[in-house]
Amino acid sequence: MMKCHGLLLLILCAIRSSIADVDDPTLVTLPDGQIRGQTLQSPNGNAFYAFQEIPYAAPPVGELRFQAPVAPAKWEGILNTTKNEKVCYQSGPGSAPIPGLNPTEDCLYLNVYTPLKPGDTSQTPLAVLIWIHGGGYESGTGAIQIYRPGLFIDHNIVVVTINYRLGALGFLTTEDGVIPGNLGLKDQHLAFQWVKNNIHLFGGDPEKITISGESAGAGSVGLHLLSQRNKGLFRGGILQSGTSLSQWAHQSYARFYAFELARSLDPSFTSDNSTELLELLQRFPASNITDNTVTAAVGKESSLLDILIWLPVIEDANLDGALLTGLYHEDIKTGNINQVPIIIGFNSAEGLAFLPSDSVVETYAKYFDSDLTNVIRNQFNMTKEDKLTAGTQLRQIYTDGTFEDDPGQVVKFYGDDLFTTPSIRHAKLQSKYTDVYMYQFSYKGNMGGMKDLEVAGVRGVAHAEDVVYFWDSRVPSDSDDPEDVITRHRLLTMWSNFVKYLNPTPEVNSFLGNVTWEKVSPNNLVYLNINDTLEVETNPKEYLKWERIIDSYAIPPLINY
């Protein structure tokens, strides 16, 4: 090794080290400073470059807690971006600790994974997939421990995963601008801007960005489609088991719950002043806020998932930085959206994941049968009389008797109410303005992790069972079912085709069964049924029956569906 003694040798060493930096693909110079990543291997043995925990926003702590995200400060030296160690504070029943990740408010980071050598301008830039994790807006992370990108890397695209504020820290609002609404979505929006401005440094094409997500991540994609502030930041969307039209993607009583939280933290707090509320919430440790005991008030539930409190809201258009200002359903209906192509779909038995036992199903059956207005709850602006009529008719879709007589039908209704019906409605409305590719994922494999799940006699693909097929969450082995592996690579082929070409089947491919995935139109609800074969079918689930009932009694304008 050259020892740097003497002026000449010092100069030579300096020149040599600067050349090494230029040639080092794990070293990237961003506008805010330098970062160093690492080289990893995909399942197929392809090298790719990983940059983890790149700051895209300043830590939202102190006076920045409960405020819109701002750009991070520049840093000196080289930032180590070879690990995921930080996760946004989690809340709710799905928030089990993740090994190696520490809950913190300082969590606004993203990860970039690229098969191209950063800095090599001789290569054609690649299309980019941004992934927004699910978790009910209260749990989850973009960390590599959960979302390993190697499977997508093998399909030659750049992958970005993100963290965003969750629970009360991300979605509590006073609705008057003191604590702005949709902070978690505004984090995502700032991350999109970061990708748009910087992804070229990693071999990504800033003109070919697709945003994607599952569950609350898909709901987020749907909401970003509605916001004109996102104009030009992406050219496509993928929504897996979620949409802005889902009842759980909107909170109607946000200010009420903000003050409920304050009073649960400090029972002596009786003010209704937003500034005093903010000052109170900024004094408490973040863990106190996320461990709060606020529960849904009767009549103020967001959906059948009444555990969800901290959700997106519609903001006053006059407030500074407002992201979502229109009625979700009406904006899609009138085309007041970012008119970009989408893939949207759902699993064949979404409700299984939320009704874990026959006893839970029986509880819901009694709840619905005791008062059929409970089938509608506070949806669709219906009168009480019409709720009873519509609820009666909706139950008749599933059973000629009662839900207690046929509890398996509760599982089907639950999944249709939360996921299937709003997703199909979204597909139908948006198809008037853009290309829409709809699917049902029906393949029940070992890889999904719920092969033996059966509740009240119902089987099928439960909520979130599809996610493991896309993300390298475990190392494939010889014991993998060959059909699982085929299904996985069919999904990855179609999804990466969409990211690259905005068409999941741009050409005939024997591996995909020579199928052409047809586009939805308002008068043709065509979808791809993804099972051990790929089949183009029409009119999924019970949607047309739901539509006839809802449209007969709903009072426009609507937010959800």
Protein backbone atom coordinates (compact mmCIF):
# COMPACT_ATOMS: atom_id res chain seq x y z
CA MET A 1 0.00 0.00 0.00
CA MET A 2 1.28 3.51 -0.83
CA LYS A 3 2.28 5.45 2.31
CA CYS A 4 1.64 9.17 2.00
CA HIS A 5 4.86 10.80 3.21
CA GLY A 6 6.27 13.88 1.49
CA LEU A 7 4.50 16.59 -0.45
CA LEU A 8 4.54 14.83 -3.84
CA LEU A 9 3.20 11.59 -2.45
CA LEU A 10 0.51 13.45 -0.51
CA ILE A 11 -0.64 15.07 -3.75
CA LEU A 12 -0.58 11.70 -5.55
CA CYS A 13 -2.58 10.09 -2.73
CA ALA A 14 -5.15 12.88 -2.84
CA ILE A 15 -5.54 12.44 -6.59
CA ARG A 16 -5.80 8.68 -6.19
CA SER A 17 -8.46 8.88 -3.47
CA SER A 18 -10.57 11.34 -5.48
CA ILE A 19 -10.52 8.98 -8.45
CA ALA A 20 -11.52 6.11 -6.17
CA ASP A 21 -14.47 8.15 -4.92
CA VAL A 22 -15.60 8.88 -8.46
CA ASP A 23 -15.36 5.18 -9.31
CA ASP A 24 -17.07 4.02 -6.11
CA PRO A 25 -20.74 3.27 -6.95
CA THR A 26 -21.63 3.14 -3.26
CA LEU A 27 -20.73 6.82 -2.84
CA VAL A 28 -23.32 9.32 -4.07
CA THR A 29 -23.21 13.10 -3.77
CA LEU A 30 -26.65 14.56 -3.10
CA PRO A 31 -27.48 18.28 -2.93
CA ASP A 32 -27.56 17.96 0.88
CA GLY A 33 -24.33 15.98 1.26
CA GLN A 34 -22.63 12.70 0.47
CA ILE A 35 -23.94 9.24 1.33
CA ARG A 36 -22.33 5.83 1.23
CA GLY A 37 -24.39 2.71 0.62
CA GLN A 38 -23.49 -0.89 0.01
CA THR A 39 -23.62 -3.59 -2.63
CA LEU A 40 -26.13 -6.41 -2.09
CA GLN A 41 -27.22 -9.43 -4.10
CA SER A 42 -30.66 -10.20 -5.47
CA PRO A 43 -32.19 -13.71 -5.28
CA ASN A 44 -30.86 -14.33 -8.79
CA GLY A 45 -27.36 -13.30 -7.74
CA ASN A 46 -27.43 -9.90 -9.42
CA ALA A 47 -25.51 -7.16 -7.67
CA PHE A 48 -27.44 -4.04 -6.76
CA TYR A 49 -26.72 -0.89 -4.80
CA ALA A 50 -28.59 -0.15 -1.58
CA PHE A 51 -28.82 3.22 0.16
CA GLN A 52 -30.83 3.02 3.38
CA GLU A 53 -32.14 5.74 5.67
CA ILE A 54 -31.49 8.71 3.41
CA PRO A 55 -33.10 11.73 5.12
CA TYR A 56 -35.78 13.30 2.94
CA ALA A 57 -37.12 15.62 5.66
CA ALA A 58 -35.93 17.23 8.86
CA PRO A 59 -36.70 15.24 12.03
CA PRO A 60 -40.28 16.27 12.99
CA VAL A 61 -39.41 16.90 16.65
CA GLY A 62 -39.77 19.82 19.05
CA GLU A 63 -41.56 22.68 17.31
CA LEU A 64 -41.75 20.59 14.12
CA ARG A 65 -43.90 17.95 15.81
CA PHE A 66 -47.42 18.14 14.37
CA GLN A 67 -46.23 20.42 11.56
CA ALA A 68 -45.81 19.86 7.83
CA PRO A 69 -42.47 18.27 6.89
CA VAL A 70 -39.59 20.49 5.79
CA ALA A 71 -36.39 19.74 3.90
CA PRO A 72 -33.49 18.32 5.92
CA ALA A 73 -30.41 20.31 6.84
CA LYS A 74 -27.24 19.71 4.87
CA TRP A 75 -24.65 17.50 6.52
CA GLU A 76 -20.86 17.39 6.61
CA GLY A 77 -18.82 14.34 5.77
CA ILE A 78 -20.19 11.07 4.38
CA LEU A 79 -23.49 9.78 5.79
CA ASN A 80 -23.59 6.02 6.36
CA THR A 81 -26.66 4.64 4.56
CA THR A 82 -26.11 0.91 4.96
CA LYS A 83 -28.73 0.06 7.61
CA ASN A 84 -32.35 0.51 8.55
CA GLU A 85 -32.51 1.19 12.26
CA LYS A 86 -35.30 3.75 12.68
CA VAL A 87 -39.03 3.21 12.46
CA CYS A 88 -41.77 5.79 13.00
CA TYR A 89 -43.68 5.37 16.26
CA GLN A 90 -46.26 2.66 15.89
CA SER A 91 -49.69 2.35 17.45
CA GLY A 92 -52.63 -0.02 17.33
CA PRO A 93 -52.94 -3.82 17.46
CA GLY A 94 -50.70 -4.42 14.45
CA SER A 95 -47.70 -2.64 15.94
CA ALA A 96 -45.51 -5.45 17.25
CA PRO A 97 -41.80 -4.54 17.63
CA ILE A 98 -39.64 -5.22 14.58
CA PRO A 99 -36.19 -6.66 15.42
CA GLY A 100 -33.41 -4.18 14.74
CA LEU A 101 -35.72 -1.18 14.42
CA ASN A 102 -36.12 1.48 17.09
CA PRO A 103 -39.31 3.57 17.30
CA THR A 104 -38.49 7.27 17.07
CA GLU A 105 -39.92 10.57 15.90
CA ASP A 106 -36.74 11.05 13.85
CA CYS A 107 -37.97 8.60 11.22
CA LEU A 108 -38.45 10.45 7.93
CA TYR A 109 -36.09 8.44 5.77
CA LEU A 110 -36.29 6.58 2.50
CA ASN A 111 -34.36 3.74 0.90
CA VAL A 112 -33.13 3.58 -2.71
CA TYR A 113 -32.20 0.31 -4.42
CA THR A 114 -30.80 0.30 -7.94
CA PRO A 115 -29.34 -2.30 -10.29
CA LEU A 116 -27.39 0.43 -12.12
CA LYS A 117 -24.10 1.82 -10.92
CA PRO A 118 -24.82 5.32 -9.59
CA GLY A 119 -22.87 7.88 -11.54
CA ASP A 120 -22.57 5.76 -14.70
CA THR A 121 -24.18 8.06 -17.24
CA SER A 122 -23.56 5.64 -20.11
CA GLN A 123 -26.57 3.52 -19.10
CA THR A 124 -30.20 4.17 -20.00
CA PRO A 125 -32.09 5.35 -16.89
CA LEU A 126 -34.55 2.86 -15.42
CA ALA A 127 -38.20 3.20 -14.45
CA VAL A 128 -38.84 3.74 -10.73
CA LEU A 129 -41.24 2.11 -8.27
CA ILE A 130 -42.02 3.97 -5.02
CA TRP A 131 -43.56 1.69 -2.37
CA ILE A 132 -45.84 3.02 0.40
CA HIS A 133 -46.30 0.47 3.17
CA GLY A 134 -49.65 -0.45 4.68
CA GLY A 135 -50.65 -0.81 8.31
CA GLY A 136 -53.88 1.14 8.80
CA TYR A 137 -52.03 4.48 8.92
CA GLU A 138 -50.82 3.44 12.39
CA SER A 139 -48.09 0.84 11.89
CA GLY A 140 -45.54 -0.37 9.35
CA THR A 141 -42.24 0.69 7.83
CA GLY A 142 -40.38 0.80 4.54
CA ALA A 143 -37.35 -0.92 6.10
CA ILE A 144 -35.44 -3.66 4.30
CA GLN A 145 -36.25 -6.00 7.19
CA ILE A 146 -39.82 -6.08 5.85
CA TYR A 147 -39.49 -5.08 2.19
CA ARG A 148 -36.38 -6.58 0.61
CA PRO A 149 -36.34 -5.33 -2.99
CA GLY A 150 -34.34 -8.04 -4.74
CA LEU A 151 -37.24 -9.56 -6.68
CA PHE A 152 -38.07 -6.25 -8.32
CA ILE A 153 -34.36 -5.56 -8.87
CA ASP A 154 -34.18 -8.76 -10.93
CA HIS A 155 -36.79 -7.17 -13.19
CA ASN A 156 -34.49 -4.20 -13.76
CA ILE A 157 -36.26 -1.32 -12.10
CA VAL A 158 -35.20 1.13 -9.38
CA VAL A 159 -37.06 0.69 -6.08
CA VAL A 160 -37.72 3.29 -3.37
CA THR A 161 -39.37 2.50 -0.03
CA ILE A 162 -40.32 5.16 2.51
CA ASN A 163 -41.24 5.80 6.12
CA TYR A 164 -43.94 8.32 7.03
CA ARG A 165 -45.46 9.50 10.31
CA LEU A 166 -48.17 7.21 11.67
CA GLY A 167 -51.01 7.26 14.14
CA ALA A 168 -51.69 10.51 15.98
CA LEU A 169 -48.24 11.89 15.11
CA GLY A 170 -49.09 11.55 11.42
CA PHE A 171 -52.83 12.11 11.22
CA LEU A 172 -54.11 14.10 14.22
CA THR A 173 -55.36 17.51 13.16
CA THR A 174 -57.26 20.47 14.59
CA GLU A 175 -58.64 21.12 11.06
CA ASP A 176 -57.88 24.85 11.32
CA GLY A 177 -54.23 24.90 10.30
CA VAL A 178 -52.74 24.98 13.80
CA ILE A 179 -52.09 21.27 13.52
CA PRO A 180 -52.37 20.67 9.76
CA GLY A 181 -54.15 17.63 8.39
CA ASN A 182 -52.63 14.66 6.59
CA LEU A 183 -49.09 15.05 7.94
CA GLY A 184 -48.26 11.45 7.07
CA LEU A 185 -49.46 11.99 3.50
CA LYS A 186 -47.47 15.22 3.32
CA ASP A 187 -44.40 13.23 4.36
CA GLN A 188 -45.07 10.91 1.42
CA HIS A 189 -45.53 13.90 -0.89
CA LEU A 190 -42.17 15.35 0.17
CA ALA A 191 -40.59 11.94 -0.42
CA PHE A 192 -42.03 11.95 -3.96
CA GLN A 193 -40.45 15.35 -4.54
CA TRP A 194 -37.12 14.04 -3.26
CA VAL A 195 -37.29 11.10 -5.66
CA LYS A 196 -38.26 13.33 -8.58
CA ASN A 197 -35.28 15.61 -7.90
CA ASN A 198 -32.63 13.04 -7.02
CA ILE A 199 -33.38 9.64 -8.52
CA HIS A 200 -31.29 10.40 -11.63
CA LEU A 201 -28.23 10.15 -9.37
CA PHE A 202 -29.08 6.47 -8.82
CA GLY A 203 -29.80 5.55 -12.45
CA GLY A 204 -33.53 6.19 -12.18
CA ASP A 205 -35.65 8.05 -14.73
CA PRO A 206 -37.50 10.93 -13.03
CA GLU A 207 -40.06 10.88 -15.85
CA LYS A 208 -40.97 7.22 -15.19
CA ILE A 209 -42.05 7.10 -11.56
CA THR A 210 -44.92 4.87 -10.38
CA ILE A 211 -46.28 5.11 -6.83
CA SER A 212 -47.61 1.90 -5.31
CA GLY A 213 -48.84 0.47 -2.06
CA GLU A 214 -50.98 -2.09 -0.28
CA SER A 215 -53.87 -1.54 2.15
CA ALA A 216 -53.30 1.91 3.75
CA GLY A 217 -50.45 2.28 1.25
CA ALA A 218 -52.95 1.74 -1.57
CA GLY A 219 -55.35 4.15 0.08
CA SER A 220 -52.49 6.65 0.12
CA VAL A 221 -51.87 6.12 -3.60
CA GLY A 222 -55.55 6.77 -4.21
CA LEU A 223 -55.42 9.97 -2.18
CA HIS A 224 -52.30 11.21 -3.99
CA LEU A 225 -54.15 10.70 -7.26
CA LEU A 226 -56.64 13.28 -5.97
CA SER A 227 -54.14 15.98 -5.00
CA GLN A 228 -53.19 18.55 -7.60
CA ARG A 229 -50.04 19.27 -5.57
CA ASN A 230 -48.72 15.96 -6.86
CA LYS A 231 -49.02 16.99 -10.50
CA GLY A 232 -46.02 15.74 -12.46
CA LEU A 233 -44.47 13.77 -9.60
CA PHE A 234 -45.50 10.33 -10.92
CA ARG A 235 -46.93 8.85 -14.08
CA GLY A 236 -48.73 5.75 -12.76
CA GLY A 237 -50.22 4.17 -9.65
CA ILE A 238 -50.67 0.65 -8.26
CA LEU A 239 -53.34 0.09 -5.61
CA GLN A 240 -53.34 -3.33 -3.91
CA SER A 241 -56.31 -3.89 -1.58
CA GLY A 242 -57.17 -0.28 -0.91
CA THR A 243 -58.42 2.98 -2.39
CA SER A 244 -59.32 6.49 -1.34
CA LEU A 245 -62.95 5.36 -1.64
CA SER A 246 -62.58 2.87 1.23
CA GLN A 247 -64.43 4.06 4.33
CA TRP A 248 -61.25 3.63 6.40
CA ALA A 249 -59.40 6.21 4.27
CA HIS A 250 -61.25 9.18 5.76
CA GLN A 251 -61.89 10.66 9.21
CA SER A 252 -64.99 12.80 9.61
CA TYR A 253 -64.42 13.74 13.26
CA ALA A 254 -60.75 14.65 13.36
CA ARG A 255 -61.01 17.72 15.58
CA PHE A 256 -63.17 15.85 18.10
CA TYR A 257 -60.55 13.10 18.42
CA ALA A 258 -57.67 15.60 18.67
CA PHE A 259 -59.19 17.06 21.83
CA GLU A 260 -60.17 13.61 23.10
CA LEU A 261 -56.51 12.67 22.94
CA ALA A 262 -55.47 15.80 24.83
CA ARG A 263 -57.95 15.07 27.60
CA SER A 264 -56.81 11.45 27.82
CA LEU A 265 -53.24 12.69 28.32
CA ASP A 266 -54.21 15.44 30.76
CA PRO A 267 -57.70 15.14 32.30
CA SER A 268 -57.41 18.70 33.57
CA PHE A 269 -57.19 20.05 30.03
CA THR A 270 -60.59 21.60 29.26
CA SER A 271 -59.66 24.13 26.57
CA ASP A 272 -61.08 24.07 23.06
CA ASN A 273 -58.26 26.30 21.78
CA SER A 274 -56.13 24.71 19.06
CA THR A 275 -52.92 26.54 19.96
CA GLU A 276 -53.21 25.44 23.59
CA LEU A 277 -53.81 21.90 22.36
CA LEU A 278 -50.66 22.00 20.23
CA GLU A 279 -48.61 23.34 23.12
CA LEU A 280 -49.89 20.53 25.34
CA LEU A 281 -49.12 17.82 22.76
CA GLN A 282 -45.63 19.18 22.11
CA ARG A 283 -44.81 18.89 25.83
CA PHE A 284 -45.51 15.16 26.15
CA PRO A 285 -43.06 12.43 25.18
CA ALA A 286 -43.98 10.95 21.80
CA SER A 287 -44.53 7.53 23.39
CA ASN A 288 -47.31 8.96 25.57
CA ILE A 289 -49.09 10.22 22.47
CA THR A 290 -48.81 6.98 20.54
CA ASP A 291 -49.80 4.85 23.56
CA ASN A 292 -53.00 6.87 24.07
CA THR A 293 -56.28 5.25 24.97
CA VAL A 294 -58.60 7.10 22.59
CA THR A 295 -61.19 4.75 21.12
CA ALA A 296 -63.93 5.25 18.55
CA ALA A 297 -66.97 7.06 19.92
CA VAL A 298 -70.38 5.58 19.13
CA GLY A 299 -71.61 7.10 15.90
CA LYS A 300 -68.15 8.41 15.04
CA GLU A 301 -66.59 5.21 13.69
CA SER A 302 -64.65 5.43 10.43
CA SER A 303 -65.78 2.02 9.15
CA LEU A 304 -66.18 -1.57 10.28
CA LEU A 305 -62.53 -1.15 11.30
CA ASP A 306 -63.60 1.02 14.22
CA ILE A 307 -60.16 0.65 15.81
CA LEU A 308 -58.85 3.22 13.32
CA ILE A 309 -58.97 6.80 14.58
CA TRP A 310 -56.05 8.67 13.00
CA LEU A 311 -56.90 8.85 9.32
CA PRO A 312 -56.68 11.20 6.32
CA VAL A 313 -59.03 14.18 6.20
CA ILE A 314 -60.40 16.67 3.69
CA GLU A 315 -58.67 20.00 4.32
CA ASP A 316 -59.95 23.53 3.95
CA ALA A 317 -58.65 24.70 0.58
CA ASN A 318 -57.79 28.08 2.12
CA LEU A 319 -55.28 26.56 4.55
CA ASP A 320 -51.60 26.84 3.70
CA GLY A 321 -50.20 23.63 2.26
CA ALA A 322 -53.54 21.83 1.97
CA LEU A 323 -53.05 18.52 0.14
CA LEU A 324 -56.58 17.08 -0.08
CA THR A 325 -59.42 19.55 -0.54
CA GLY A 326 -62.17 17.80 -2.50
CA LEU A 327 -64.70 15.04 -1.91
CA TYR A 328 -62.87 11.87 -2.89
CA HIS A 329 -65.70 10.14 -4.76
CA GLU A 330 -66.84 13.25 -6.58
CA ASP A 331 -63.31 14.17 -7.65
CA ILE A 332 -62.74 10.76 -9.25
CA LYS A 333 -66.21 10.84 -10.80
CA THR A 334 -65.55 14.19 -12.47
CA GLY A 335 -61.94 13.45 -13.44
CA ASN A 336 -60.55 16.07 -11.05
CA ILE A 337 -57.53 13.86 -10.43
CA ASN A 338 -53.99 13.28 -11.64
CA GLN A 339 -55.04 11.42 -14.75
CA VAL A 340 -52.47 8.63 -14.83
CA PRO A 341 -52.90 4.91 -15.57
CA ILE A 342 -53.44 2.56 -12.62
CA ILE A 343 -53.51 -1.07 -11.60
CA ILE A 344 -56.13 -1.64 -8.90
CA GLY A 345 -57.38 -4.82 -7.29
CA PHE A 346 -58.07 -6.98 -4.28
CA ASN A 347 -57.67 -10.48 -2.87
CA SER A 348 -60.41 -13.08 -3.14
CA ALA A 349 -61.27 -13.22 0.58
CA GLU A 350 -60.02 -9.97 2.13
CA GLY A 351 -62.26 -10.28 5.19
CA LEU A 352 -60.54 -13.40 6.52
CA ALA A 353 -57.65 -11.37 7.94
CA PHE A 354 -59.95 -9.28 10.15
CA LEU A 355 -62.28 -11.97 11.48
CA PRO A 356 -59.86 -14.46 13.02
CA SER A 357 -62.34 -16.88 14.57
CA ASP A 358 -65.88 -18.18 14.33
CA SER A 359 -66.74 -16.44 17.61
CA VAL A 360 -65.74 -13.03 16.22
CA VAL A 361 -67.80 -13.70 13.10
CA GLU A 362 -70.80 -14.61 15.25
CA THR A 363 -70.45 -11.33 17.17
CA TYR A 364 -70.62 -9.37 13.92
CA ALA A 365 -73.52 -11.50 12.68
CA LYS A 366 -75.53 -10.59 15.79
CA TYR A 367 -74.51 -6.93 15.43
CA PHE A 368 -75.85 -6.74 11.87
CA ASP A 369 -78.96 -8.84 12.42
CA SER A 370 -79.98 -6.87 15.54
CA ASP A 371 -80.36 -3.69 13.51
CA LEU A 372 -79.89 -3.75 9.76
CA THR A 373 -78.99 -0.06 9.71
CA ASN A 374 -75.68 -1.34 11.16
CA VAL A 375 -74.92 -2.79 7.72
CA ILE A 376 -74.76 0.80 6.42
CA ARG A 377 -73.62 2.65 9.60
CA ASN A 378 -72.78 6.30 8.75
CA GLN A 379 -72.01 5.69 5.07
CA PHE A 380 -73.56 7.23 1.97
CA ASN A 381 -75.47 10.13 3.65
CA MET A 382 -78.59 7.95 3.82
CA THR A 383 -81.65 8.69 5.92
CA LYS A 384 -82.29 6.28 8.79
CA GLU A 385 -85.28 4.84 6.95
CA ASP A 386 -83.25 4.27 3.79
CA LYS A 387 -80.37 2.76 5.82
CA LEU A 388 -82.78 0.09 7.04
CA THR A 389 -84.04 -0.60 3.53
CA ALA A 390 -80.59 -0.65 1.98
CA GLY A 391 -79.13 -2.72 4.82
CA THR A 392 -81.90 -5.27 4.39
CA GLN A 393 -81.24 -5.49 0.67
CA LEU A 394 -77.47 -5.76 1.13
CA ARG A 395 -77.90 -8.69 3.53
CA GLN A 396 -80.12 -10.38 0.93
CA ILE A 397 -77.16 -10.38 -1.48
CA TYR A 398 -75.43 -12.82 0.86
CA THR A 399 -78.20 -14.84 2.52
CA ASP A 400 -81.91 -15.51 2.23
CA GLY A 401 -82.06 -15.71 6.01
CA THR A 402 -79.94 -14.02 8.65
CA PHE A 403 -76.19 -13.66 9.06
CA GLU A 404 -76.48 -15.69 12.27
CA ASP A 405 -77.89 -18.57 10.24
CA ASP A 406 -75.04 -18.31 7.70
CA PRO A 407 -72.05 -16.67 9.44
CA GLY A 408 -69.64 -17.38 6.58
CA GLN A 409 -71.47 -14.73 4.60
CA VAL A 410 -70.37 -12.15 7.17
CA VAL A 411 -66.76 -12.78 6.13
CA LYS A 412 -67.68 -12.16 2.50
CA PHE A 413 -69.71 -9.04 3.30
CA TYR A 414 -66.91 -7.66 5.49
CA GLY A 415 -64.32 -7.97 2.71
CA ASP A 416 -66.65 -6.51 0.10
CA ASP A 417 -67.57 -3.56 2.31
CA LEU A 418 -64.00 -2.63 3.23
CA PHE A 419 -62.10 -3.42 0.04
CA THR A 420 -63.83 -4.98 -2.94
CA THR A 421 -66.76 -2.66 -3.57
CA PRO A 422 -64.82 0.63 -3.18
CA SER A 423 -61.96 -0.68 -5.35
CA ILE A 424 -64.30 -1.67 -8.17
CA ARG A 425 -66.12 1.63 -7.90
CA HIS A 426 -62.78 3.45 -8.16
CA ALA A 427 -61.84 1.39 -11.22
CA LYS A 428 -65.15 2.11 -12.90
CA LEU A 429 -65.10 5.87 -12.25
CA GLN A 430 -61.47 6.43 -13.20
CA SER A 431 -61.71 4.30 -16.36
CA LYS A 432 -63.59 7.17 -17.98
CA TYR A 433 -60.37 9.22 -17.88
CA THR A 434 -57.33 6.89 -17.82
CA ASP A 435 -56.22 3.34 -18.49
CA VAL A 436 -57.33 1.15 -15.58
CA TYR A 437 -56.23 -2.46 -15.11
CA MET A 438 -58.25 -4.32 -12.46
CA TYR A 439 -57.43 -7.68 -10.88
CA GLN A 440 -58.51 -10.24 -8.30
CA PHE A 441 -55.73 -12.25 -6.65
CA SER A 442 -57.18 -15.71 -6.09
CA TYR A 443 -54.07 -17.89 -5.88
CA LYS A 444 -53.94 -19.63 -2.49
CA GLY A 445 -50.33 -20.73 -2.04
CA ASN A 446 -48.01 -21.68 0.80
CA MET A 447 -45.99 -18.54 0.17
CA GLY A 448 -48.82 -16.31 1.39
CA GLY A 449 -48.49 -17.77 4.87
CA MET A 450 -52.20 -18.47 5.38
CA LYS A 451 -52.69 -21.66 3.36
CA ASP A 452 -54.75 -23.35 6.06
CA LEU A 453 -56.75 -20.30 7.17
CA GLU A 454 -60.46 -20.99 7.21
CA VAL A 455 -63.10 -19.04 9.15
CA ALA A 456 -66.78 -19.94 9.27
CA GLY A 457 -66.25 -22.29 6.36
CA VAL A 458 -64.78 -19.58 4.14
CA ARG A 459 -61.44 -20.01 2.38
CA GLY A 460 -59.60 -17.77 -0.04
CA VAL A 461 -56.78 -15.23 -0.19
CA ALA A 462 -56.88 -13.02 2.89
CA HIS A 463 -55.89 -9.37 3.17
CA ALA A 464 -52.12 -8.78 2.76
CA GLU A 465 -51.48 -12.37 1.69
CA ASP A 466 -50.30 -11.12 -1.69
CA VAL A 467 -47.51 -8.89 -0.37
CA VAL A 468 -44.97 -11.67 0.24
CA TYR A 469 -45.09 -12.61 -3.44
CA PHE A 470 -43.61 -9.24 -4.42
CA TRP A 471 -41.05 -8.68 -1.70
CA ASP A 472 -38.12 -10.92 -0.91
CA SER A 473 -39.23 -11.38 2.70
CA ARG A 474 -37.71 -14.84 2.96
CA VAL A 475 -35.07 -16.70 1.01
CA PRO A 476 -36.65 -19.04 -1.57
CA SER A 477 -35.71 -22.66 -1.01
CA ASP A 478 -36.08 -25.99 -2.74
CA SER A 479 -39.18 -26.60 -0.63
CA ASP A 480 -41.08 -23.76 -2.30
CA ASP A 481 -44.07 -24.97 -4.24
CA PRO A 482 -43.20 -24.57 -7.94
CA GLU A 483 -46.68 -23.11 -8.55
CA ASP A 484 -45.98 -20.46 -5.89
CA VAL A 485 -42.76 -19.50 -7.63
CA ILE A 486 -44.51 -19.30 -11.02
CA THR A 487 -47.26 -17.11 -9.55
CA ARG A 488 -44.67 -14.88 -7.88
CA HIS A 489 -42.81 -14.27 -11.13
CA ARG A 490 -45.99 -13.74 -13.12
CA LEU A 491 -46.97 -11.01 -10.67
CA LEU A 492 -43.52 -9.46 -10.74
CA THR A 493 -43.44 -9.55 -14.54
CA MET A 494 -46.79 -7.79 -14.90
CA TRP A 495 -46.14 -5.23 -12.16
CA SER A 496 -42.67 -4.34 -13.47
CA ASN A 497 -44.06 -4.16 -17.01
CA PHE A 498 -46.53 -1.58 -15.77
CA VAL A 499 -43.76 0.41 -14.09
CA LYS A 500 -41.75 0.36 -17.33
CA TYR A 501 -44.47 0.65 -19.97
CA LEU A 502 -47.72 1.58 -18.14
CA ASN A 503 -49.10 -1.69 -19.50
CA PRO A 504 -48.82 -4.97 -17.56
CA THR A 505 -48.97 -7.09 -20.74
CA PRO A 506 -47.39 -4.97 -23.48
CA GLU A 507 -46.76 -8.03 -25.65
CA VAL A 508 -47.85 -11.65 -25.84
CA ASN A 509 -45.86 -13.74 -23.38
CA SER A 510 -46.22 -17.51 -23.08
CA PHE A 511 -45.07 -17.34 -19.43
CA LEU A 512 -48.19 -15.22 -18.79
CA GLY A 513 -50.35 -17.72 -20.64
CA ASN A 514 -50.48 -15.46 -23.70
CA VAL A 515 -53.05 -13.37 -21.86
CA THR A 516 -53.73 -9.73 -22.67
CA TRP A 517 -54.88 -7.84 -19.58
CA GLU A 518 -57.81 -5.80 -20.84
CA LYS A 519 -58.62 -2.31 -19.60
CA VAL A 520 -61.73 -1.46 -17.61
CA SER A 521 -64.34 0.79 -19.17
CA PRO A 522 -67.37 2.33 -17.44
CA ASN A 523 -69.58 -0.22 -19.19
CA ASN A 524 -67.25 -3.21 -18.98
CA LEU A 525 -65.92 -4.17 -15.55
CA VAL A 526 -63.27 -6.49 -16.91
CA TYR A 527 -60.54 -7.85 -14.64
CA LEU A 528 -57.71 -10.34 -14.55
CA ASN A 529 -58.35 -13.25 -12.20
CA ILE A 530 -54.86 -14.22 -11.02
CA ASN A 531 -54.92 -17.85 -9.93
CA ASP A 532 -52.80 -20.80 -11.05
CA THR A 533 -53.90 -19.55 -14.47
CA LEU A 534 -54.53 -16.00 -15.66
CA GLU A 535 -58.09 -15.50 -16.86
CA VAL A 536 -59.84 -12.36 -18.11
CA GLU A 537 -63.29 -12.18 -16.52
CA THR A 538 -66.03 -9.58 -15.98
CA ASN A 539 -68.19 -8.23 -13.14
CA PRO A 540 -66.19 -9.28 -10.05
CA LYS A 541 -67.74 -10.23 -6.73
CA GLU A 542 -71.16 -8.75 -5.91
CA TYR A 543 -70.38 -5.26 -7.12
CA LEU A 544 -73.28 -4.73 -9.52
CA LYS A 545 -75.77 -5.72 -6.81
CA TRP A 546 -74.13 -3.33 -4.35
CA GLU A 547 -74.19 -0.54 -6.91
CA ARG A 548 -77.90 -0.93 -7.63
CA ILE A 549 -78.71 -0.68 -3.93
CA ILE A 550 -76.31 2.08 -2.95
CA ASP A 551 -77.08 4.29 -5.92
CA SER A 552 -80.79 3.97 -5.16
CA TYR A 553 -80.49 5.36 -1.64
CA ALA A 554 -77.18 7.25 -1.31
CA ILE A 555 -77.48 11.03 -1.22
CA PRO A 556 -74.70 12.74 -3.22
CA PRO A 557 -72.18 14.22 -2.98
CA LEU A 558 -70.16 11.30 -1.57
CA ILE A 559 -66.72 11.04 -0.08
CA ASN A 560 -66.34 7.25 0.01
CA TYR A 561 -68.21 4.31 -1.47
